[in-house]
Amino acid sequence: MKNIKEACRDVRGVNTIENALQDVRFGLRMLVKRPGFTAMAVVSLAVGIGLNSTLFGLSPADPPTILGSSLLVIAVALLAGYFPARRAIRIDPMTALRYE
């Protein structure tokens, strides 16, 4: 009987809706539990929307915007490499080699 109920729910799409609602609830709990994650999600969305509107409204004869966008991408790439490198510098090489 339980299998028949599950099959009917799958056909009607009820499980899909329930799964989507569970995912939304989980996401909201994560946003409430971790304010740092929430801040980074909001900043990422804002930067993504801003870059999207800037780059798609760009004409080829607009060097300052192209230069600014390039510098922004370079700065983000440098920051993305800086923090792991700073963390790796603190580790003693012999300790790292022992764990390999």
N, C-alpha and C. Protein backbone atom coordinates (compact mmCIF):
# COMPACT_ATOMS: atom_id res chain seq x y z
N MET A 1 0.83 -1.19 0.00
CA MET A 1 0.00 0.00 0.00
C MET A 1 0.87 1.25 0.00
N LYS A 2 1.95 1.21 0.79
CA LYS A 2 2.82 2.37 0.90
C LYS A 2 3.52 2.64 -0.45
N ASN A 3 3.91 1.58 -1.15
CA ASN A 3 4.55 1.75 -2.44
C ASN A 3 3.61 2.37 -3.46
N ILE A 4 2.34 1.99 -3.40
CA ILE A 4 1.35 2.54 -4.33
C ILE A 4 1.17 4.04 -4.05
N LYS A 5 1.10 4.41 -2.78
CA LYS A 5 0.98 5.83 -2.42
C LYS A 5 2.18 6.62 -2.95
N GLU A 6 3.37 6.09 -2.75
CA GLU A 6 4.58 6.77 -3.21
C GLU A 6 4.58 6.91 -4.74
N ALA A 7 4.13 5.85 -5.44
CA ALA A 7 4.09 5.90 -6.90
C ALA A 7 3.11 6.97 -7.38
N CYS A 8 1.95 7.05 -6.74
CA CYS A 8 0.96 8.07 -7.11
C CYS A 8 1.48 9.48 -6.84
N ARG A 9 2.15 9.63 -5.71
CA ARG A 9 2.70 10.95 -5.37
C ARG A 9 3.79 11.35 -6.36
N ASP A 10 4.60 10.39 -6.79
CA ASP A 10 5.63 10.68 -7.78
C ASP A 10 5.02 11.11 -9.11
N VAL A 11 3.95 10.43 -9.52
CA VAL A 11 3.31 10.75 -10.79
C VAL A 11 2.71 12.15 -10.74
N ARG A 12 2.10 12.50 -9.62
CA ARG A 12 1.47 13.82 -9.50
C ARG A 12 2.48 14.92 -9.24
N GLY A 13 3.69 14.59 -8.88
CA GLY A 13 4.70 15.60 -8.62
C GLY A 13 4.70 16.13 -7.20
N VAL A 14 4.00 15.47 -6.30
CA VAL A 14 3.92 15.94 -4.92
C VAL A 14 5.29 15.81 -4.24
N ASN A 15 5.99 14.71 -4.49
CA ASN A 15 7.31 14.53 -3.87
C ASN A 15 8.28 15.60 -4.33
N THR A 16 8.18 16.00 -5.58
CA THR A 16 9.07 17.04 -6.10
C THR A 16 8.83 18.35 -5.35
N ILE A 17 7.58 18.68 -5.13
CA ILE A 17 7.24 19.91 -4.40
C ILE A 17 7.71 19.82 -2.96
N GLU A 18 7.50 18.67 -2.33
CA GLU A 18 7.94 18.50 -0.94
C GLU A 18 9.46 18.59 -0.84
N ASN A 19 10.16 17.99 -1.79
CA ASN A 19 11.63 18.06 -1.78
C ASN A 19 12.10 19.49 -1.97
N ALA A 20 11.45 20.23 -2.84
CA ALA A 20 11.82 21.62 -3.05
C ALA A 20 11.58 22.44 -1.78
N LEU A 21 10.46 22.20 -1.12
CA LEU A 21 10.19 22.92 0.13
C LEU A 21 11.20 22.56 1.21
N GLN A 22 11.59 21.30 1.29
CA GLN A 22 12.62 20.89 2.26
C GLN A 22 13.94 21.60 1.96
N ASP A 23 14.29 21.71 0.69
CA ASP A 23 15.53 22.39 0.32
C ASP A 23 15.48 23.87 0.70
N VAL A 24 14.34 24.50 0.48
CA VAL A 24 14.20 25.92 0.84
C VAL A 24 14.29 26.09 2.35
N ARG A 25 13.63 25.21 3.10
CA ARG A 25 13.71 25.30 4.57
C ARG A 25 15.14 25.10 5.06
N PHE A 26 15.84 24.13 4.46
CA PHE A 26 17.24 23.90 4.86
C PHE A 26 18.09 25.12 4.55
N GLY A 27 17.89 25.70 3.38
CA GLY A 27 18.65 26.90 3.00
C GLY A 27 18.39 28.06 3.94
N LEU A 28 17.13 28.26 4.31
CA LEU A 28 16.81 29.34 5.24
C LEU A 28 17.42 29.11 6.62
N ARG A 29 17.41 27.85 7.07
CA ARG A 29 18.05 27.54 8.36
C ARG A 29 19.54 27.85 8.30
N MET A 30 20.18 27.50 7.19
CA MET A 30 21.61 27.78 7.05
C MET A 30 21.88 29.29 7.07
N LEU A 31 21.01 30.06 6.41
CA LEU A 31 21.19 31.51 6.40
C LEU A 31 21.03 32.10 7.79
N VAL A 32 20.12 31.54 8.59
CA VAL A 32 19.91 32.06 9.94
C VAL A 32 21.03 31.63 10.87
N LYS A 33 21.50 30.39 10.74
CA LYS A 33 22.52 29.86 11.64
C LYS A 33 23.89 30.49 11.42
N ARG A 34 24.21 30.80 10.18
CA ARG A 34 25.56 31.29 9.86
C ARG A 34 25.48 32.67 9.22
N PRO A 35 25.63 33.72 10.02
CA PRO A 35 25.53 35.08 9.47
C PRO A 35 26.67 35.41 8.51
N GLY A 36 27.84 34.83 8.71
CA GLY A 36 28.94 35.07 7.78
C GLY A 36 28.63 34.51 6.40
N PHE A 37 28.06 33.33 6.38
CA PHE A 37 27.65 32.72 5.12
C PHE A 37 26.58 33.57 4.45
N THR A 38 25.65 34.08 5.24
CA THR A 38 24.58 34.92 4.70
C THR A 38 25.16 36.18 4.08
N ALA A 39 26.10 36.81 4.79
CA ALA A 39 26.71 38.03 4.26
C ALA A 39 27.45 37.76 2.96
N MET A 40 28.19 36.65 2.91
CA MET A 40 28.91 36.34 1.68
C MET A 40 27.96 36.01 0.54
N ALA A 41 26.84 35.35 0.84
CA ALA A 41 25.86 35.05 -0.20
C ALA A 41 25.26 36.33 -0.76
N VAL A 42 24.93 37.27 0.12
CA VAL A 42 24.36 38.54 -0.33
C VAL A 42 25.37 39.33 -1.14
N VAL A 43 26.61 39.40 -0.66
CA VAL A 43 27.65 40.13 -1.39
C VAL A 43 27.92 39.48 -2.75
N SER A 44 27.97 38.16 -2.79
CA SER A 44 28.19 37.46 -4.05
C SER A 44 27.08 37.74 -5.05
N LEU A 45 25.85 37.70 -4.58
CA LEU A 45 24.72 38.01 -5.47
C LEU A 45 24.79 39.45 -5.96
N ALA A 46 25.11 40.38 -5.07
CA ALA A 46 25.18 41.79 -5.46
C ALA A 46 26.28 42.03 -6.48
N VAL A 47 27.44 41.45 -6.25
CA VAL A 47 28.56 41.62 -7.19
C VAL A 47 28.22 40.96 -8.52
N GLY A 48 27.62 39.77 -8.47
CA GLY A 48 27.26 39.08 -9.71
C GLY A 48 26.25 39.86 -10.53
N ILE A 49 25.23 40.40 -9.87
CA ILE A 49 24.23 41.18 -10.58
C ILE A 49 24.84 42.46 -11.14
N GLY A 50 25.69 43.10 -10.33
CA GLY A 50 26.34 44.32 -10.80
C GLY A 50 27.24 44.08 -12.00
N LEU A 51 28.06 43.03 -11.93
CA LEU A 51 28.94 42.71 -13.06
C LEU A 51 28.15 42.30 -14.29
N ASN A 52 27.09 41.56 -14.08
CA ASN A 52 26.26 41.13 -15.20
C ASN A 52 25.68 42.34 -15.94
N SER A 53 25.13 43.28 -15.19
CA SER A 53 24.54 44.45 -15.84
C SER A 53 25.61 45.32 -16.47
N THR A 54 26.79 45.38 -15.86
CA THR A 54 27.87 46.18 -16.42
C THR A 54 28.41 45.57 -17.70
N LEU A 55 28.68 44.28 -17.68
CA LEU A 55 29.31 43.65 -18.83
C LEU A 55 28.37 43.50 -20.02
N PHE A 56 27.08 43.25 -19.77
CA PHE A 56 26.17 43.11 -20.90
C PHE A 56 25.76 44.45 -21.49
N GLY A 57 25.94 45.54 -20.75
CA GLY A 57 25.65 46.87 -21.27
C GLY A 57 26.89 47.54 -21.81
N LEU A 58 27.90 46.77 -22.07
CA LEU A 58 29.22 47.29 -22.44
C LEU A 58 29.35 47.40 -23.96
N SER A 59 29.93 48.51 -24.38
CA SER A 59 30.22 48.65 -25.80
C SER A 59 31.73 48.46 -26.00
N PRO A 60 32.16 48.04 -27.19
CA PRO A 60 33.58 47.83 -27.42
C PRO A 60 34.42 49.11 -27.30
N ALA A 61 33.78 50.25 -27.41
CA ALA A 61 34.50 51.53 -27.35
C ALA A 61 34.47 52.12 -25.94
N ASP A 62 34.46 51.27 -24.93
CA ASP A 62 34.40 51.74 -23.55
C ASP A 62 35.58 51.18 -22.75
N PRO A 63 36.79 51.66 -23.02
CA PRO A 63 37.99 51.12 -22.35
C PRO A 63 37.99 51.25 -20.83
N PRO A 64 37.51 52.36 -20.24
CA PRO A 64 37.56 52.43 -18.77
C PRO A 64 36.78 51.30 -18.08
N THR A 65 35.63 50.95 -18.63
CA THR A 65 34.84 49.88 -18.03
C THR A 65 35.52 48.54 -18.21
N ILE A 66 36.08 48.30 -19.38
CA ILE A 66 36.81 47.05 -19.63
C ILE A 66 38.00 46.95 -18.69
N LEU A 67 38.74 48.04 -18.53
CA LEU A 67 39.90 48.05 -17.64
C LEU A 67 39.46 47.84 -16.19
N GLY A 68 38.38 48.51 -15.77
CA GLY A 68 37.90 48.35 -14.40
C GLY A 68 37.44 46.93 -14.12
N SER A 69 36.74 46.34 -15.07
CA SER A 69 36.29 44.95 -14.90
C SER A 69 37.47 43.99 -14.82
N SER A 70 38.46 44.22 -15.67
CA SER A 70 39.65 43.37 -15.65
C SER A 70 40.38 43.48 -14.32
N LEU A 71 40.53 44.70 -13.83
CA LEU A 71 41.20 44.90 -12.54
C LEU A 71 40.41 44.25 -11.39
N LEU A 72 39.10 44.31 -11.46
CA LEU A 72 38.28 43.67 -10.42
C LEU A 72 38.47 42.16 -10.43
N VAL A 73 38.48 41.56 -11.61
CA VAL A 73 38.68 40.11 -11.70
C VAL A 73 40.07 39.73 -11.20
N ILE A 74 41.08 40.53 -11.54
CA ILE A 74 42.45 40.25 -11.08
C ILE A 74 42.52 40.37 -9.56
N ALA A 75 41.88 41.40 -8.99
CA ALA A 75 41.91 41.58 -7.54
C ALA A 75 41.24 40.41 -6.82
N VAL A 76 40.12 39.94 -7.34
CA VAL A 76 39.43 38.80 -6.73
C VAL A 76 40.30 37.55 -6.82
N ALA A 77 40.96 37.35 -7.96
CA ALA A 77 41.83 36.18 -8.12
C ALA A 77 43.00 36.24 -7.15
N LEU A 78 43.59 37.41 -6.97
CA LEU A 78 44.70 37.55 -6.03
C LEU A 78 44.25 37.29 -4.59
N LEU A 79 43.09 37.79 -4.23
CA LEU A 79 42.57 37.54 -2.88
C LEU A 79 42.24 36.06 -2.68
N ALA A 80 41.73 35.43 -3.72
CA ALA A 80 41.39 34.01 -3.61
C ALA A 80 42.65 33.16 -3.41
N GLY A 81 43.77 33.60 -3.93
CA GLY A 81 45.02 32.86 -3.73
C GLY A 81 45.76 33.27 -2.47
N TYR A 82 45.54 34.50 -2.01
CA TYR A 82 46.29 35.03 -0.87
C TYR A 82 45.96 34.29 0.42
N PHE A 83 44.68 34.09 0.71
CA PHE A 83 44.31 33.50 1.99
C PHE A 83 44.79 32.05 2.13
N PRO A 84 44.62 31.18 1.14
CA PRO A 84 45.19 29.84 1.29
C PRO A 84 46.72 29.85 1.38
N ALA A 85 47.36 30.76 0.66
CA ALA A 85 48.82 30.84 0.72
C ALA A 85 49.28 31.29 2.11
N ARG A 86 48.58 32.26 2.68
CA ARG A 86 48.93 32.73 4.02
C ARG A 86 48.78 31.61 5.04
N ARG A 87 47.75 30.80 4.88
CA ARG A 87 47.55 29.68 5.78
C ARG A 87 48.64 28.62 5.59
N ALA A 88 49.04 28.39 4.35
CA ALA A 88 50.05 27.38 4.08
C ALA A 88 51.43 27.79 4.59
N ILE A 89 51.69 29.08 4.64
CA ILE A 89 52.99 29.56 5.12
C ILE A 89 53.18 29.23 6.60
N ARG A 90 52.10 29.19 7.35
CA ARG A 90 52.18 28.94 8.79
C ARG A 90 52.50 27.49 9.13
N ILE A 91 52.35 26.58 8.18
CA ILE A 91 52.55 25.16 8.45
C ILE A 91 54.03 24.81 8.28
N ASP A 92 54.55 24.07 9.23
CA ASP A 92 55.93 23.61 9.16
C ASP A 92 56.04 22.56 8.04
N PRO A 93 57.01 22.68 7.13
CA PRO A 93 57.13 21.73 6.02
C PRO A 93 57.30 20.28 6.47
N MET A 94 58.05 20.07 7.52
CA MET A 94 58.27 18.70 7.98
C MET A 94 56.98 18.08 8.53
N THR A 95 56.16 18.90 9.18
CA THR A 95 54.88 18.42 9.67
C THR A 95 53.98 18.05 8.50
N ALA A 96 53.98 18.86 7.48
CA ALA A 96 53.15 18.58 6.30
C ALA A 96 53.62 17.30 5.60
N LEU A 97 54.92 17.11 5.52
CA LEU A 97 55.45 15.93 4.84
C LEU A 97 55.15 14.65 5.62
N ARG A 98 55.07 14.73 6.93
CA ARG A 98 54.78 13.54 7.73
C ARG A 98 53.37 13.03 7.48
N TYR A 99 52.44 13.91 7.15
CA TYR A 99 51.04 13.51 6.97
C TYR A 99 50.72 13.05 5.55
N GLU A 100 51.68 13.09 4.66
CA GLU A 100 51.41 12.65 3.28
C GLU A 100 51.55 11.17 3.12
